Amino acid sequence: MKKLNVSWNGINDPTGYLFSFAKSLSCVVKNSPYTDIAEDIIATSGFAFRMWLNTELCPSALSIWDFGQQPIWLSSGGLESTFVSCCWQPENVLKEARLDTLPKIKTSIENGVPVIAWDIGVLEWGLITGYDEDKQKFATLSITGSTDDMDYSKLGNREMPMLNVVTITSKTNKKQEDIITDTLKLAKSHLLGEEWCDENNKKGLDVYPHLINFFVMDDTKYATCWNMEYYLGTYAALKWYAWKFFEKYKFVHLADLYKTVYDNWQKAFDLKKSIDITIEENRKAIAALLKQAEAYEREAINFM
């Protein structure tokens, strides 16, 4: 088997819930010739600024977007990619899509770059890190950290019939100042909720009042559930990448704003895990942190 030595080591995940696509993307870039933008790409592709919230706190809301935007968003951050998507199709159609993507996966592995794929260990994004043509198997790295083998035939057809594979092929000649300009545009678009979203999801900064409401309402079932930990942990980790992007490129005011935004989300996440959320004062403390984060992100939009 041709297999790359890849792990999640070196990918900053302050909560343990960094969104699986963003974490996979950063890891792929870190294990490519373009490692210098491994942190940047989470911001420049827009993922540091995406916010979706299912009204029932279903975690799957974070993984539902217009997948066709992926190569566009990666190009915005200065990377060229290939992308194959085939969702909810019969096996004969999935098989054709699988055959189409196999050469792309093998080429990427031969070039020393792992591949992003959906549902290769758990129902999240993860990495294909190798292949064995004789055994018709992939080597995989799950977002959980576990490594395994997976039959070629299971790609896009493990727990659900959704094939989504992204390979990073090269770096563009896009100027850094143009990447920064487009990042600001993409960030503002996401925060204003301009991206397509399932009708059962809230998006952009409109996420804040609905999320905060779960902590001020009398019914505590949403505030206390694990799904809330997932949402707080996911967005806290993403906000860290927004902060670090602005800090790196000397956007002092935006860096200061997003440092506070990140700190507040991180504190809210830590409180959710460590205190009794059934107590009203504790829920109010989390709500106050999120309200301040919202105010700072709204200020950031005006500055952008």
Protein backbone atom coordinates (compact mmCIF):
# COMPACT_ATOMS: atom_id res chain seq x y z
CA MET A 1 0.00 0.00 0.00
CA LYS A 2 1.16 3.51 -0.85
CA LYS A 3 0.50 5.35 2.42
CA LEU A 4 1.36 8.83 3.69
CA ASN A 5 2.46 9.51 7.25
CA VAL A 6 -0.27 11.97 8.24
CA SER A 7 -1.88 12.85 11.57
CA TRP A 8 -3.85 15.71 13.11
CA ASN A 9 -0.76 16.83 15.02
CA GLY A 10 -0.02 20.52 14.49
CA ILE A 11 -3.60 21.46 13.56
CA ASN A 12 -4.79 23.83 16.27
CA ASP A 13 -8.11 22.70 17.70
CA PRO A 14 -8.67 24.55 20.99
CA THR A 15 -11.97 22.84 21.77
CA GLY A 16 -11.62 19.47 20.07
CA TYR A 17 -14.59 20.34 17.85
CA LEU A 18 -12.96 22.22 14.97
CA PHE A 19 -15.26 21.60 12.01
CA SER A 20 -14.16 18.42 10.26
CA PHE A 21 -13.94 19.91 6.75
CA ALA A 22 -11.90 22.89 7.96
CA LYS A 23 -9.62 20.64 10.02
CA SER A 24 -9.18 18.25 7.08
CA LEU A 25 -8.45 21.13 4.72
CA SER A 26 -5.83 22.64 7.00
CA CYS A 27 -4.20 19.23 7.49
CA VAL A 28 -4.05 18.58 3.75
CA VAL A 29 -2.42 21.97 3.12
CA LYS A 30 -0.01 21.42 6.00
CA ASN A 31 1.04 18.15 4.37
CA SER A 32 1.51 19.74 0.95
CA PRO A 33 4.12 22.06 -0.58
CA TYR A 34 1.96 24.98 0.57
CA THR A 35 2.26 24.43 4.32
CA ASP A 36 2.80 28.16 4.92
CA ILE A 37 -0.92 28.81 4.34
CA ALA A 38 -2.24 25.83 6.33
CA GLU A 39 -3.77 28.14 8.95
CA ASP A 40 -4.72 30.88 6.49
CA ILE A 41 -6.87 28.63 4.33
CA ILE A 42 -9.55 28.17 7.01
CA ALA A 43 -10.10 31.94 6.91
CA THR A 44 -9.41 32.60 3.22
CA SER A 45 -11.83 29.86 2.15
CA GLY A 46 -14.46 31.48 4.35
CA PHE A 47 -14.97 28.62 6.79
CA ALA A 48 -13.76 30.67 9.77
CA PHE A 49 -16.76 32.94 9.21
CA ARG A 50 -19.53 30.50 8.28
CA MET A 51 -22.28 30.19 10.89
CA TRP A 52 -25.26 27.89 10.59
CA LEU A 53 -27.63 26.80 13.31
CA ASN A 54 -30.34 24.18 13.06
CA THR A 55 -33.39 25.21 15.07
CA GLU A 56 -33.31 21.77 16.77
CA LEU A 57 -29.50 21.89 17.15
CA CYS A 58 -28.96 19.02 14.72
CA PRO A 59 -25.15 18.83 14.18
CA SER A 60 -25.59 17.89 10.52
CA ALA A 61 -26.47 21.52 9.72
CA LEU A 62 -22.77 22.34 9.63
CA SER A 63 -22.13 19.87 6.81
CA ILE A 64 -24.88 20.99 4.44
CA TRP A 65 -23.84 23.63 1.96
CA ASP A 66 -23.55 24.11 -1.78
CA PHE A 67 -20.66 21.70 -2.28
CA GLY A 68 -20.07 23.15 -5.73
CA GLN A 69 -18.69 26.26 -4.00
CA GLN A 70 -15.75 24.34 -2.55
CA PRO A 71 -13.33 24.79 -5.48
CA ILE A 72 -14.38 28.45 -5.74
CA TRP A 73 -13.71 29.07 -2.06
CA LEU A 74 -10.36 27.28 -2.22
CA SER A 75 -9.41 29.32 -5.27
CA SER A 76 -10.30 32.44 -3.32
CA GLY A 77 -7.62 31.37 -0.86
CA GLY A 78 -5.06 30.76 -3.60
CA LEU A 79 -5.39 27.01 -4.15
CA GLU A 80 -6.41 24.98 -7.18
CA SER A 81 -8.34 21.78 -6.54
CA THR A 82 -10.36 18.99 -8.09
CA PHE A 83 -13.79 18.17 -6.79
CA VAL A 84 -16.14 15.25 -7.36
CA SER A 85 -19.62 15.20 -5.85
CA CYS A 86 -22.41 12.67 -6.32
CA CYS A 87 -25.15 12.70 -3.72
CA TRP A 88 -28.19 10.48 -3.20
CA GLN A 89 -27.79 8.63 -6.48
CA PRO A 90 -28.25 4.92 -7.26
CA GLU A 91 -25.18 2.70 -7.06
CA ASN A 92 -24.56 2.64 -10.82
CA VAL A 93 -24.29 6.46 -10.85
CA LEU A 94 -22.16 6.48 -7.71
CA LYS A 95 -19.90 3.89 -9.28
CA GLU A 96 -19.24 6.15 -12.27
CA ALA A 97 -18.46 9.07 -9.97
CA ARG A 98 -16.16 6.82 -7.94
CA LEU A 99 -14.31 5.73 -11.07
CA ASP A 100 -13.94 9.37 -12.05
CA THR A 101 -12.36 10.35 -8.75
CA LEU A 102 -10.05 7.35 -8.24
CA PRO A 103 -7.29 8.67 -10.57
CA LYS A 104 -7.43 12.05 -8.81
CA ILE A 105 -7.02 10.41 -5.41
CA LYS A 106 -4.12 8.25 -6.56
CA THR A 107 -2.34 11.17 -8.21
CA SER A 108 -2.64 13.25 -5.04
CA ILE A 109 -1.30 10.43 -2.87
CA GLU A 110 1.58 9.87 -5.30
CA ASN A 111 2.34 13.59 -4.99
CA GLY A 112 2.46 13.24 -1.21
CA VAL A 113 -0.79 15.11 -0.50
CA PRO A 114 -3.70 13.49 1.40
CA VAL A 115 -7.26 13.84 0.11
CA ILE A 116 -10.39 15.25 1.78
CA ALA A 117 -13.41 12.94 1.62
CA TRP A 118 -16.80 12.67 3.27
CA ASP A 119 -17.71 9.71 5.50
CA ILE A 120 -14.55 7.64 5.50
CA GLY A 121 -14.69 6.56 9.16
CA VAL A 122 -17.48 8.43 10.87
CA LEU A 123 -20.21 10.56 9.32
CA GLU A 124 -17.94 13.60 9.04
CA TRP A 125 -15.15 14.77 6.75
CA GLY A 126 -11.80 13.01 6.99
CA LEU A 127 -8.71 12.13 5.00
CA ILE A 128 -7.70 9.46 2.52
CA THR A 129 -4.00 8.93 3.20
CA GLY A 130 -3.14 5.99 0.93
CA TYR A 131 -4.31 3.34 -1.48
CA ASP A 132 -3.65 -0.29 -2.35
CA GLU A 133 -4.53 -1.10 -5.93
CA ASP A 134 -4.12 -4.86 -5.45
CA LYS A 135 -6.48 -5.01 -2.47
CA GLN A 136 -8.70 -2.18 -3.77
CA LYS A 137 -8.52 -0.39 -0.43
CA PHE A 138 -7.87 3.12 0.83
CA ALA A 139 -5.98 4.05 3.98
CA THR A 140 -8.06 6.55 5.97
CA LEU A 141 -7.66 8.97 8.86
CA SER A 142 -10.92 9.74 10.65
CA ILE A 143 -11.60 13.05 12.34
CA THR A 144 -11.63 11.01 15.57
CA GLY A 145 -7.95 10.23 15.02
CA SER A 146 -8.47 6.57 14.20
CA THR A 147 -6.81 5.02 11.14
CA ASP A 148 -8.30 2.23 9.08
CA ASP A 149 -8.68 0.69 5.64
CA MET A 150 -11.77 1.15 3.47
CA ASP A 151 -12.78 -0.69 0.32
CA TYR A 152 -12.81 1.42 -2.82
CA SER A 153 -16.45 0.41 -3.24
CA LYS A 154 -17.40 2.08 0.06
CA LEU A 155 -16.32 5.54 -1.06
CA GLY A 156 -19.52 7.56 -1.18
CA ASN A 157 -21.55 4.59 -0.06
CA ARG A 158 -20.74 3.82 3.54
CA GLU A 159 -23.45 5.17 5.85
CA MET A 160 -25.22 7.24 3.20
CA PRO A 161 -24.94 7.55 -0.60
CA MET A 162 -22.95 10.80 -0.69
CA LEU A 163 -19.64 10.94 -2.54
CA ASN A 164 -17.64 14.12 -1.97
CA VAL A 165 -13.91 14.24 -2.62
CA VAL A 166 -11.58 17.27 -2.76
CA THR A 167 -7.93 17.16 -3.82
CA ILE A 168 -5.51 20.08 -3.62
CA THR A 169 -3.49 20.20 -6.83
CA SER A 170 -1.51 23.44 -6.89
CA LYS A 171 -1.13 26.98 -5.65
CA THR A 172 -2.30 29.81 -7.87
CA ASN A 173 -0.43 32.99 -8.70
CA LYS A 174 -3.02 35.06 -6.90
CA LYS A 175 -1.45 38.03 -5.13
CA GLN A 176 -1.63 38.12 -1.34
CA GLU A 177 -3.38 41.48 -1.33
CA ASP A 178 -6.08 40.05 -3.62
CA ILE A 179 -6.50 37.03 -1.34
CA ILE A 180 -6.96 39.36 1.62
CA THR A 181 -9.46 41.52 -0.25
CA ASP A 182 -11.49 38.48 -1.31
CA THR A 183 -11.32 37.04 2.21
CA LEU A 184 -12.93 40.19 3.58
CA LYS A 185 -15.66 40.00 0.93
CA LEU A 186 -16.30 36.32 1.60
CA ALA A 187 -16.30 36.83 5.37
CA LYS A 188 -18.84 39.63 5.10
CA SER A 189 -21.01 37.55 2.77
CA HIS A 190 -21.06 34.63 5.20
CA LEU A 191 -21.72 36.81 8.23
CA LEU A 192 -24.59 38.55 6.45
CA GLY A 193 -26.12 35.16 5.66
CA GLU A 194 -25.84 35.44 1.89
CA GLU A 195 -24.83 31.80 1.41
CA TRP A 196 -27.48 29.25 0.48
CA CYS A 197 -28.82 27.42 3.51
CA ASP A 198 -31.44 24.80 4.29
CA GLU A 199 -34.70 26.46 5.33
CA ASN A 200 -34.49 24.84 8.78
CA ASN A 201 -31.19 26.56 9.51
CA LYS A 202 -30.35 30.05 10.70
CA LYS A 203 -27.26 31.53 9.11
CA GLY A 204 -24.68 34.23 9.56
CA LEU A 205 -25.01 36.61 12.48
CA ASP A 206 -28.69 35.68 12.76
CA VAL A 207 -27.39 32.56 14.50
CA TYR A 208 -26.58 34.58 17.59
CA PRO A 209 -30.08 35.57 18.83
CA HIS A 210 -31.41 32.05 18.27
CA LEU A 211 -28.46 30.43 20.02
CA ILE A 212 -28.64 32.91 22.89
CA ASN A 213 -32.36 32.24 23.26
CA PHE A 214 -31.61 28.62 24.16
CA PHE A 215 -29.81 29.93 27.28
CA VAL A 216 -32.48 32.40 28.41
CA MET A 217 -35.60 30.33 27.82
CA ASP A 218 -37.14 28.39 30.72
CA ASP A 219 -36.86 25.05 28.94
CA THR A 220 -33.24 23.94 29.41
CA LYS A 221 -33.25 20.86 27.18
CA TYR A 222 -31.32 22.57 24.39
CA ALA A 223 -28.90 24.49 26.61
CA THR A 224 -27.90 21.33 28.46
CA CYS A 225 -27.63 18.85 25.58
CA TRP A 226 -24.42 17.59 23.98
CA ASN A 227 -25.42 19.19 20.67
CA MET A 228 -24.95 22.60 22.29
CA GLU A 229 -21.41 21.63 23.26
CA TYR A 230 -20.81 20.64 19.62
CA TYR A 231 -21.99 24.01 18.30
CA LEU A 232 -20.10 26.09 20.87
CA GLY A 233 -16.94 24.05 20.37
CA THR A 234 -17.14 24.19 16.59
CA TYR A 235 -17.59 27.93 16.31
CA ALA A 236 -15.11 28.76 19.07
CA ALA A 237 -12.40 26.86 17.19
CA LEU A 238 -13.27 28.55 13.88
CA LYS A 239 -13.21 32.02 15.45
CA TRP A 240 -9.62 31.31 16.54
CA TYR A 241 -8.61 31.04 12.88
CA ALA A 242 -10.36 34.32 12.04
CA TRP A 243 -8.46 36.04 14.85
CA LYS A 244 -5.10 34.59 13.81
CA PHE A 245 -5.63 35.53 10.16
CA PHE A 246 -6.25 39.19 10.97
CA GLU A 247 -3.38 39.20 13.46
CA LYS A 248 -0.96 37.73 10.89
CA TYR A 249 -1.81 40.33 8.24
CA LYS A 250 -1.76 43.30 10.62
CA PHE A 251 -5.45 44.13 10.64
CA VAL A 252 -5.07 45.38 14.19
CA HIS A 253 -8.67 46.41 14.85
CA LEU A 254 -10.18 43.26 13.34
CA ALA A 255 -7.62 41.14 15.19
CA ASP A 256 -8.57 42.80 18.49
CA LEU A 257 -12.27 42.28 17.79
CA TYR A 258 -11.86 38.64 16.83
CA LYS A 259 -9.60 37.89 19.78
CA THR A 260 -12.48 38.92 22.03
CA VAL A 261 -14.98 37.04 19.85
CA TYR A 262 -12.87 33.89 20.12
CA ASP A 263 -12.25 34.34 23.86
CA ASN A 264 -15.98 34.68 24.50
CA TRP A 265 -16.90 31.61 22.49
CA GLN A 266 -14.12 29.63 24.17
CA LYS A 267 -15.31 30.74 27.63
CA ALA A 268 -18.90 29.87 26.72
CA PHE A 269 -17.75 26.42 25.60
CA ASP A 270 -15.70 25.88 28.76
CA LEU A 271 -18.62 26.96 30.95
CA LYS A 272 -21.00 24.62 29.13
CA LYS A 273 -18.67 21.73 29.95
CA SER A 274 -17.84 22.64 33.53
CA ILE A 275 -20.88 24.15 35.29
CA ASP A 276 -24.48 23.23 35.99
CA ILE A 277 -26.40 24.66 33.02
CA THR A 278 -29.74 24.01 34.69
CA ILE A 279 -28.96 26.97 36.96
CA GLU A 280 -30.35 30.16 35.44
CA GLU A 281 -27.43 32.39 36.43
CA ASN A 282 -24.98 30.06 34.70
CA ARG A 283 -27.00 30.12 31.50
CA LYS A 284 -27.18 33.91 31.69
CA ALA A 285 -23.39 34.06 31.96
CA ILE A 286 -23.05 32.13 28.70
CA ALA A 287 -25.72 34.27 27.04
CA ALA A 288 -23.83 37.43 28.04
CA LEU A 289 -20.60 36.12 26.51
CA LEU A 290 -22.36 35.34 23.24
CA LYS A 291 -24.11 38.71 23.18
CA GLN A 292 -20.77 40.50 23.45
CA ALA A 293 -19.29 38.29 20.71
CA GLU A 294 -22.24 39.17 18.48
CA ALA A 295 -21.73 42.90 19.07
CA TYR A 296 -18.06 42.62 18.17
CA GLU A 297 -18.73 40.65 15.01
CA ARG A 298 -21.30 43.21 13.93
CA GLU A 299 -18.70 45.89 14.49
CA ALA A 300 -16.26 43.82 12.42
CA ILE A 301 -18.70 43.77 9.49
CA ASN A 302 -18.90 47.56 9.51
CA PHE A 303 -15.09 47.76 9.55
CA MET A 304 -14.83 45.28 6.65
